[in-house]
Amino acid sequence: VYGGAYFKHTATMGSVREENIIHKRKENFDAKQIIAKKAADLVVPGDIIAINSVSTVEYILDYLGGKTPLSIVTLNVNQAAKASLIQGVDVYLPGGKGRSSSGMTIGPDTGEFIRNFSINKCFFGISAVSLSRGITHPVMEEVPANRALLAVSEKVYVVADSSKCNKLSLYGMAKLDEANAFIVDDAFPENYRKYMALNDIDVI
């Protein structure tokens, strides 16, 4: 067009910016509940599990009754408070600054604190994923702590409703093959399912 340009077709990738945790809890609520139940079914008494600072993984805490004793490593002050109310759960939270928009704690020693743990199962919530760029995240400062969780976890389960697919955000956080499985809703795209099958990543 005169003086400029535009895409003839709508771009296939959506861009994701950070949203307040209160808003994120309400988005795709039903799908998140289904995913949270599936994730909780994988937990057994005695597990050492980790959850990062994303709304979907917070709902997993609602379905852990009867699966104790458990040790839970979390990056989120809200999740830590909620988990501490579950009888038989020990909660571990790194110190630092609590971000009001997400509830995540970040500090200079966060990565070192996390790397001292041995995690059986990490339930890893995400904001955006694409087949071309992997998992990306809107807040660069939160990425190192998330990377530390991946490094110490025996099994990594990405929990993501289908609205997270074909999205890009600010900063690269993880490659798709760092996950052992994706726990998803029924609308998970077919091309993602095929990719996971070809790369030995389970879809739950």
C-alpha atoms as a PDB file:
ATOM      1  CA  VAL A   1       0.000   0.000   0.000  1.00  0.00           C
ATOM      2  CA  TYR A   2       1.128   3.585  -0.525  1.00  0.00           C
ATOM      3  CA  GLY A   3       3.752   4.439   2.126  1.00  0.00           C
ATOM      4  CA  GLY A   4       3.679   1.064   3.849  1.00  0.00           C
ATOM      5  CA  ALA A   5       3.051  -2.674   3.684  1.00  0.00           C
ATOM      6  CA  TYR A   6       0.704  -5.245   5.170  1.00  0.00           C
ATOM      7  CA  PHE A   7       0.360  -9.034   5.332  1.00  0.00           C
ATOM      8  CA  LYS A   8      -1.891 -10.303   2.586  1.00  0.00           C
ATOM      9  CA  HIS A   9      -2.859 -13.232   4.816  1.00  0.00           C
ATOM     10  CA  THR A  10      -3.266 -13.268   8.575  1.00  0.00           C
ATOM     11  CA  ALA A  11      -0.064 -14.292  10.324  1.00  0.00           C
ATOM     12  CA  THR A  12      -0.217 -17.836  11.670  1.00  0.00           C
ATOM     13  CA  MET A  13       1.733 -17.028  14.848  1.00  0.00           C
ATOM     14  CA  GLY A  14       0.132 -15.094  17.689  1.00  0.00           C
ATOM     15  CA  SER A  15       2.283 -12.985  19.992  1.00  0.00           C
ATOM     16  CA  VAL A  16       1.970 -13.463  23.761  1.00  0.00           C
ATOM     17  CA  ARG A  17       2.632 -10.776  26.353  1.00  0.00           C
ATOM     18  CA  GLU A  18       2.526 -11.185  30.111  1.00  0.00           C
ATOM     19  CA  GLU A  19      -0.915 -11.106  31.714  1.00  0.00           C
ATOM     20  CA  ASN A  20      -1.855 -10.788  35.358  1.00  0.00           C
ATOM     21  CA  ILE A  21      -2.194 -14.142  37.156  1.00  0.00           C
ATOM     22  CA  ILE A  22      -5.782 -13.356  38.198  1.00  0.00           C
ATOM     23  CA  HIS A  23      -6.773 -12.986  34.547  1.00  0.00           C
ATOM     24  CA  LYS A  24      -4.856 -16.103  33.499  1.00  0.00           C
ATOM     25  CA  ARG A  25      -6.637 -18.259  36.084  1.00  0.00           C
ATOM     26  CA  LYS A  26      -9.961 -17.515  34.360  1.00  0.00           C
ATOM     27  CA  GLU A  27      -8.813 -18.177  30.793  1.00  0.00           C
ATOM     28  CA  ASN A  28      -9.771 -21.591  29.369  1.00  0.00           C
ATOM     29  CA  PHE A  29     -10.774 -22.680  32.860  1.00  0.00           C
ATOM     30  CA  ASP A  30     -12.478 -25.950  31.877  1.00  0.00           C
ATOM     31  CA  ALA A  31      -9.551 -27.135  29.752  1.00  0.00           C
ATOM     32  CA  LYS A  32      -7.105 -26.281  32.529  1.00  0.00           C
ATOM     33  CA  GLN A  33      -9.123 -28.359  35.005  1.00  0.00           C
ATOM     34  CA  ILE A  34      -9.053 -31.386  32.705  1.00  0.00           C
ATOM     35  CA  ILE A  35      -5.304 -31.021  32.209  1.00  0.00           C
ATOM     36  CA  ALA A  36      -4.704 -30.557  35.943  1.00  0.00           C
ATOM     37  CA  LYS A  37      -6.610 -33.761  36.751  1.00  0.00           C
ATOM     38  CA  LYS A  38      -4.576 -35.704  34.176  1.00  0.00           C
ATOM     39  CA  ALA A  39      -1.369 -34.348  35.669  1.00  0.00           C
ATOM     40  CA  ALA A  40      -2.399 -35.193  39.229  1.00  0.00           C
ATOM     41  CA  ASP A  41      -3.136 -38.779  38.151  1.00  0.00           C
ATOM     42  CA  LEU A  42       0.605 -39.185  37.479  1.00  0.00           C
ATOM     43  CA  VAL A  43       1.564 -38.292  41.051  1.00  0.00           C
ATOM     44  CA  VAL A  44       2.107 -41.041  43.615  1.00  0.00           C
ATOM     45  CA  PRO A  45       2.839 -40.824  47.354  1.00  0.00           C
ATOM     46  CA  GLY A  46       6.498 -40.136  48.055  1.00  0.00           C
ATOM     47  CA  ASP A  47       7.086 -38.137  44.876  1.00  0.00           C
ATOM     48  CA  ILE A  48       9.220 -35.035  44.794  1.00  0.00           C
ATOM     49  CA  ILE A  49       7.458 -32.825  42.274  1.00  0.00           C
ATOM     50  CA  ALA A  50       8.073 -29.357  40.894  1.00  0.00           C
ATOM     51  CA  ILE A  51       5.605 -26.838  39.538  1.00  0.00           C
ATOM     52  CA  ASN A  52       6.555 -23.593  37.871  1.00  0.00           C
ATOM     53  CA  SER A  53       4.743 -20.288  38.035  1.00  0.00           C
ATOM     54  CA  VAL A  54       1.863 -20.740  35.575  1.00  0.00           C
ATOM     55  CA  SER A  55      -1.877 -20.841  36.281  1.00  0.00           C
ATOM     56  CA  THR A  56      -2.559 -24.344  34.910  1.00  0.00           C
ATOM     57  CA  VAL A  57      -0.094 -26.062  37.230  1.00  0.00           C
ATOM     58  CA  GLU A  58      -1.626 -24.282  40.223  1.00  0.00           C
ATOM     59  CA  TYR A  59      -4.842 -26.234  39.639  1.00  0.00           C
ATOM     60  CA  ILE A  60      -2.926 -29.519  40.008  1.00  0.00           C
ATOM     61  CA  LEU A  61      -2.770 -28.768  43.730  1.00  0.00           C
ATOM     62  CA  ASP A  62      -6.570 -29.162  43.908  1.00  0.00           C
ATOM     63  CA  TYR A  63      -6.290 -32.856  42.984  1.00  0.00           C
ATOM     64  CA  LEU A  64      -3.445 -34.063  45.207  1.00  0.00           C
ATOM     65  CA  GLY A  65      -5.544 -35.120  48.181  1.00  0.00           C
ATOM     66  CA  GLY A  66      -4.804 -38.724  49.119  1.00  0.00           C
ATOM     67  CA  LYS A  67      -1.481 -38.725  47.260  1.00  0.00           C
ATOM     68  CA  THR A  68       0.648 -37.686  50.201  1.00  0.00           C
ATOM     69  CA  PRO A  69       3.307 -37.639  51.519  1.00  0.00           C
ATOM     70  CA  LEU A  70       4.719 -35.307  48.865  1.00  0.00           C
ATOM     71  CA  SER A  71       7.506 -32.780  48.546  1.00  0.00           C
ATOM     72  CA  ILE A  72       6.689 -29.856  46.268  1.00  0.00           C
ATOM     73  CA  VAL A  73       9.220 -27.400  44.881  1.00  0.00           C
ATOM     74  CA  THR A  74       7.525 -24.303  43.518  1.00  0.00           C
ATOM     75  CA  LEU A  75       8.637 -20.948  42.152  1.00  0.00           C
ATOM     76  CA  ASN A  76       5.424 -19.184  43.141  1.00  0.00           C
ATOM     77  CA  VAL A  77       4.405 -17.680  46.501  1.00  0.00           C
ATOM     78  CA  ASN A  78       0.683 -18.200  45.830  1.00  0.00           C
ATOM     79  CA  GLN A  79       1.216 -21.862  44.974  1.00  0.00           C
ATOM     80  CA  ALA A  80       3.424 -22.332  48.038  1.00  0.00           C
ATOM     81  CA  ALA A  81       0.692 -20.953  50.303  1.00  0.00           C
ATOM     82  CA  LYS A  82      -1.934 -23.182  48.685  1.00  0.00           C
ATOM     83  CA  ALA A  83       0.260 -26.302  48.794  1.00  0.00           C
ATOM     84  CA  SER A  84       1.113 -25.738  52.450  1.00  0.00           C
ATOM     85  CA  LEU A  85      -2.554 -26.258  53.326  1.00  0.00           C
ATOM     86  CA  ILE A  86      -2.486 -29.846  52.019  1.00  0.00           C
ATOM     87  CA  GLN A  87      -1.904 -32.308  54.861  1.00  0.00           C
ATOM     88  CA  GLY A  88       1.293 -34.286  54.326  1.00  0.00           C
ATOM     89  CA  VAL A  89       2.938 -31.888  51.866  1.00  0.00           C
ATOM     90  CA  ASP A  90       6.341 -30.278  52.411  1.00  0.00           C
ATOM     91  CA  VAL A  91       6.836 -27.098  50.365  1.00  0.00           C
ATOM     92  CA  TYR A  92      10.127 -25.627  49.157  1.00  0.00           C
ATOM     93  CA  LEU A  93      10.261 -22.097  47.747  1.00  0.00           C
ATOM     94  CA  PRO A  94      13.332 -20.052  46.742  1.00  0.00           C
ATOM     95  CA  GLY A  95      13.743 -16.642  48.281  1.00  0.00           C
ATOM     96  CA  GLY A  96      13.912 -13.340  46.449  1.00  0.00           C
ATOM     97  CA  LYS A  97      11.531 -10.797  45.017  1.00  0.00           C
ATOM     98  CA  GLY A  98       7.912 -11.842  44.549  1.00  0.00           C
ATOM     99  CA  ARG A  99       6.550 -10.488  41.259  1.00  0.00           C
ATOM    100  CA  SER A 100       3.017  -9.218  41.843  1.00  0.00           C
ATOM    101  CA  SER A 101       1.882  -9.912  38.273  1.00  0.00           C
ATOM    102  CA  SER A 102       2.782 -13.616  38.382  1.00  0.00           C
ATOM    103  CA  GLY A 103       3.544 -14.481  42.012  1.00  0.00           C
ATOM    104  CA  MET A 104       6.917 -15.899  40.991  1.00  0.00           C
ATOM    105  CA  THR A 105       9.966 -15.339  43.190  1.00  0.00           C
ATOM    106  CA  ILE A 106      13.191 -14.330  41.467  1.00  0.00           C
ATOM    107  CA  GLY A 107      16.558 -13.637  43.027  1.00  0.00           C
ATOM    108  CA  PRO A 108      20.303 -13.995  42.472  1.00  0.00           C
ATOM    109  CA  ASP A 109      20.427 -17.389  44.219  1.00  0.00           C
ATOM    110  CA  THR A 110      17.229 -18.901  42.822  1.00  0.00           C
ATOM    111  CA  GLY A 111      18.969 -21.150  40.293  1.00  0.00           C
ATOM    112  CA  GLU A 112      21.498 -22.408  42.831  1.00  0.00           C
ATOM    113  CA  PHE A 113      18.699 -23.188  45.307  1.00  0.00           C
ATOM    114  CA  ILE A 114      16.793 -25.216  42.722  1.00  0.00           C
ATOM    115  CA  ARG A 115      19.831 -27.115  41.462  1.00  0.00           C
ATOM    116  CA  ASN A 116      20.260 -28.735  44.887  1.00  0.00           C
ATOM    117  CA  PHE A 117      17.026 -30.722  44.444  1.00  0.00           C
ATOM    118  CA  SER A 118      16.365 -34.019  42.682  1.00  0.00           C
ATOM    119  CA  ILE A 119      12.889 -33.833  41.140  1.00  0.00           C
ATOM    120  CA  ASN A 120      10.920 -36.926  40.110  1.00  0.00           C
ATOM    121  CA  LYS A 121       8.294 -35.118  38.079  1.00  0.00           C
ATOM    122  CA  CYS A 122       8.182 -31.517  36.907  1.00  0.00           C
ATOM    123  CA  PHE A 123       4.844 -30.114  35.755  1.00  0.00           C
ATOM    124  CA  PHE A 124       5.870 -27.277  33.509  1.00  0.00           C
ATOM    125  CA  GLY A 125       3.284 -24.697  32.531  1.00  0.00           C
ATOM    126  CA  ILE A 126       3.905 -22.515  29.491  1.00  0.00           C
ATOM    127  CA  SER A 127       2.687 -19.323  27.866  1.00  0.00           C
ATOM    128  CA  ALA A 128       3.532 -20.030  24.235  1.00  0.00           C
ATOM    129  CA  VAL A 129       4.739 -22.906  22.057  1.00  0.00           C
ATOM    130  CA  SER A 130       5.444 -23.355  18.377  1.00  0.00           C
ATOM    131  CA  LEU A 131       6.953 -26.159  16.342  1.00  0.00           C
ATOM    132  CA  SER A 132       9.538 -23.803  14.873  1.00  0.00           C
ATOM    133  CA  ARG A 133      10.700 -21.962  18.014  1.00  0.00           C
ATOM    134  CA  GLY A 134       9.829 -24.310  20.860  1.00  0.00           C
ATOM    135  CA  ILE A 135       8.652 -22.911  24.200  1.00  0.00           C
ATOM    136  CA  THR A 136       8.940 -19.155  24.647  1.00  0.00           C
ATOM    137  CA  HIS A 137       8.171 -16.930  27.622  1.00  0.00           C
ATOM    138  CA  PRO A 138       7.099 -13.280  28.020  1.00  0.00           C
ATOM    139  CA  VAL A 139       9.365 -12.413  30.982  1.00  0.00           C
ATOM    140  CA  MET A 140      13.092 -12.819  30.407  1.00  0.00           C
ATOM    141  CA  GLU A 141      13.915 -12.576  34.126  1.00  0.00           C
ATOM    142  CA  GLU A 142      11.837 -15.679  34.884  1.00  0.00           C
ATOM    143  CA  VAL A 143      13.572 -17.926  32.368  1.00  0.00           C
ATOM    144  CA  PRO A 144      16.734 -18.943  34.343  1.00  0.00           C
ATOM    145  CA  ALA A 145      14.735 -20.375  37.258  1.00  0.00           C
ATOM    146  CA  ASN A 146      12.520 -22.306  34.867  1.00  0.00           C
ATOM    147  CA  ARG A 147      15.600 -23.633  33.081  1.00  0.00           C
ATOM    148  CA  ALA A 148      17.001 -24.761  36.448  1.00  0.00           C
ATOM    149  CA  LEU A 149      13.824 -26.766  37.119  1.00  0.00           C
ATOM    150  CA  LEU A 150      14.189 -28.563  33.797  1.00  0.00           C
ATOM    151  CA  ALA A 151      17.824 -29.392  34.553  1.00  0.00           C
ATOM    152  CA  VAL A 152      17.106 -31.205  37.837  1.00  0.00           C
ATOM    153  CA  SER A 153      13.944 -33.060  36.783  1.00  0.00           C
ATOM    154  CA  GLU A 154      13.892 -36.738  35.873  1.00  0.00           C
ATOM    155  CA  LYS A 155      10.567 -36.395  34.027  1.00  0.00           C
ATOM    156  CA  VAL A 156       9.241 -33.179  32.493  1.00  0.00           C
ATOM    157  CA  TYR A 157       5.537 -32.892  31.724  1.00  0.00           C
ATOM    158  CA  VAL A 158       4.556 -29.773  29.816  1.00  0.00           C
ATOM    159  CA  VAL A 159       0.995 -28.796  30.753  1.00  0.00           C
ATOM    160  CA  ALA A 160      -0.665 -26.656  28.107  1.00  0.00           C
ATOM    161  CA  ASP A 161      -4.159 -26.045  26.826  1.00  0.00           C
ATOM    162  CA  SER A 162      -4.406 -25.770  23.057  1.00  0.00           C
ATOM    163  CA  SER A 163      -4.639 -21.963  23.115  1.00  0.00           C
ATOM    164  CA  LYS A 164      -0.876 -21.907  23.817  1.00  0.00           C
ATOM    165  CA  CYS A 165      -0.077 -23.539  20.466  1.00  0.00           C
ATOM    166  CA  ASN A 166       1.184 -21.550  17.474  1.00  0.00           C
ATOM    167  CA  LYS A 167       2.178 -18.702  19.758  1.00  0.00           C
ATOM    168  CA  LEU A 168       5.458 -16.876  20.213  1.00  0.00           C
ATOM    169  CA  SER A 169       6.628 -14.809  23.125  1.00  0.00           C
ATOM    170  CA  LEU A 170       9.627 -12.653  23.975  1.00  0.00           C
ATOM    171  CA  TYR A 171      12.340 -15.089  25.021  1.00  0.00           C
ATOM    172  CA  GLY A 172      13.289 -18.681  24.308  1.00  0.00           C
ATOM    173  CA  MET A 173      12.830 -20.965  27.310  1.00  0.00           C
ATOM    174  CA  ALA A 174      13.006 -24.616  26.217  1.00  0.00           C
ATOM    175  CA  LYS A 175      13.199 -26.929  23.246  1.00  0.00           C
ATOM    176  CA  LEU A 176      10.304 -29.279  22.659  1.00  0.00           C
ATOM    177  CA  ASP A 177      12.479 -32.374  23.069  1.00  0.00           C
ATOM    178  CA  GLU A 178      13.317 -31.364  26.636  1.00  0.00           C
ATOM    179  CA  ALA A 179       9.843 -32.615  27.557  1.00  0.00           C
ATOM    180  CA  ASN A 180       9.010 -36.260  28.139  1.00  0.00           C
ATOM    181  CA  ALA A 181       5.324 -35.589  27.572  1.00  0.00           C
ATOM    182  CA  PHE A 182       2.730 -32.921  26.881  1.00  0.00           C
ATOM    183  CA  ILE A 183      -0.469 -33.018  28.952  1.00  0.00           C
ATOM    184  CA  VAL A 184      -3.106 -31.333  26.806  1.00  0.00           C
ATOM    185  CA  ASP A 185      -6.798 -30.960  25.994  1.00  0.00           C
ATOM    186  CA  ASP A 186      -8.601 -32.658  23.105  1.00  0.00           C
ATOM    187  CA  ALA A 187      -8.120 -29.638  20.820  1.00  0.00           C
ATOM    188  CA  PHE A 188      -4.335 -30.133  20.738  1.00  0.00           C
ATOM    189  CA  PRO A 189      -3.487 -29.655  17.016  1.00  0.00           C
ATOM    190  CA  GLU A 190      -2.929 -32.698  14.851  1.00  0.00           C
ATOM    191  CA  ASN A 191       0.378 -31.423  13.467  1.00  0.00           C
ATOM    192  CA  TYR A 192       1.686 -31.142  17.027  1.00  0.00           C
ATOM    193  CA  ARG A 193       0.540 -34.690  17.760  1.00  0.00           C
ATOM    194  CA  LYS A 194       2.418 -35.932  14.693  1.00  0.00           C
ATOM    195  CA  TYR A 195       5.538 -34.025  15.705  1.00  0.00           C
ATOM    196  CA  MET A 196       5.419 -35.519  19.200  1.00  0.00           C
ATOM    197  CA  ALA A 197       5.000 -39.036  17.807  1.00  0.00           C
ATOM    198  CA  LEU A 198       8.002 -38.604  15.502  1.00  0.00           C
ATOM    199  CA  ASN A 199      10.150 -37.320  18.354  1.00  0.00           C
ATOM    200  CA  ASP A 200       9.183 -39.818  21.077  1.00  0.00           C
ATOM    201  CA  ILE A 201       7.313 -37.254  23.163  1.00  0.00           C
ATOM    202  CA  ASP A 202       4.168 -38.677  24.740  1.00  0.00           C
ATOM    203  CA  VAL A 203       0.839 -36.860  24.441  1.00  0.00           C
ATOM    204  CA  ILE A 204      -1.486 -37.332  27.403  1.00  0.00           C
END
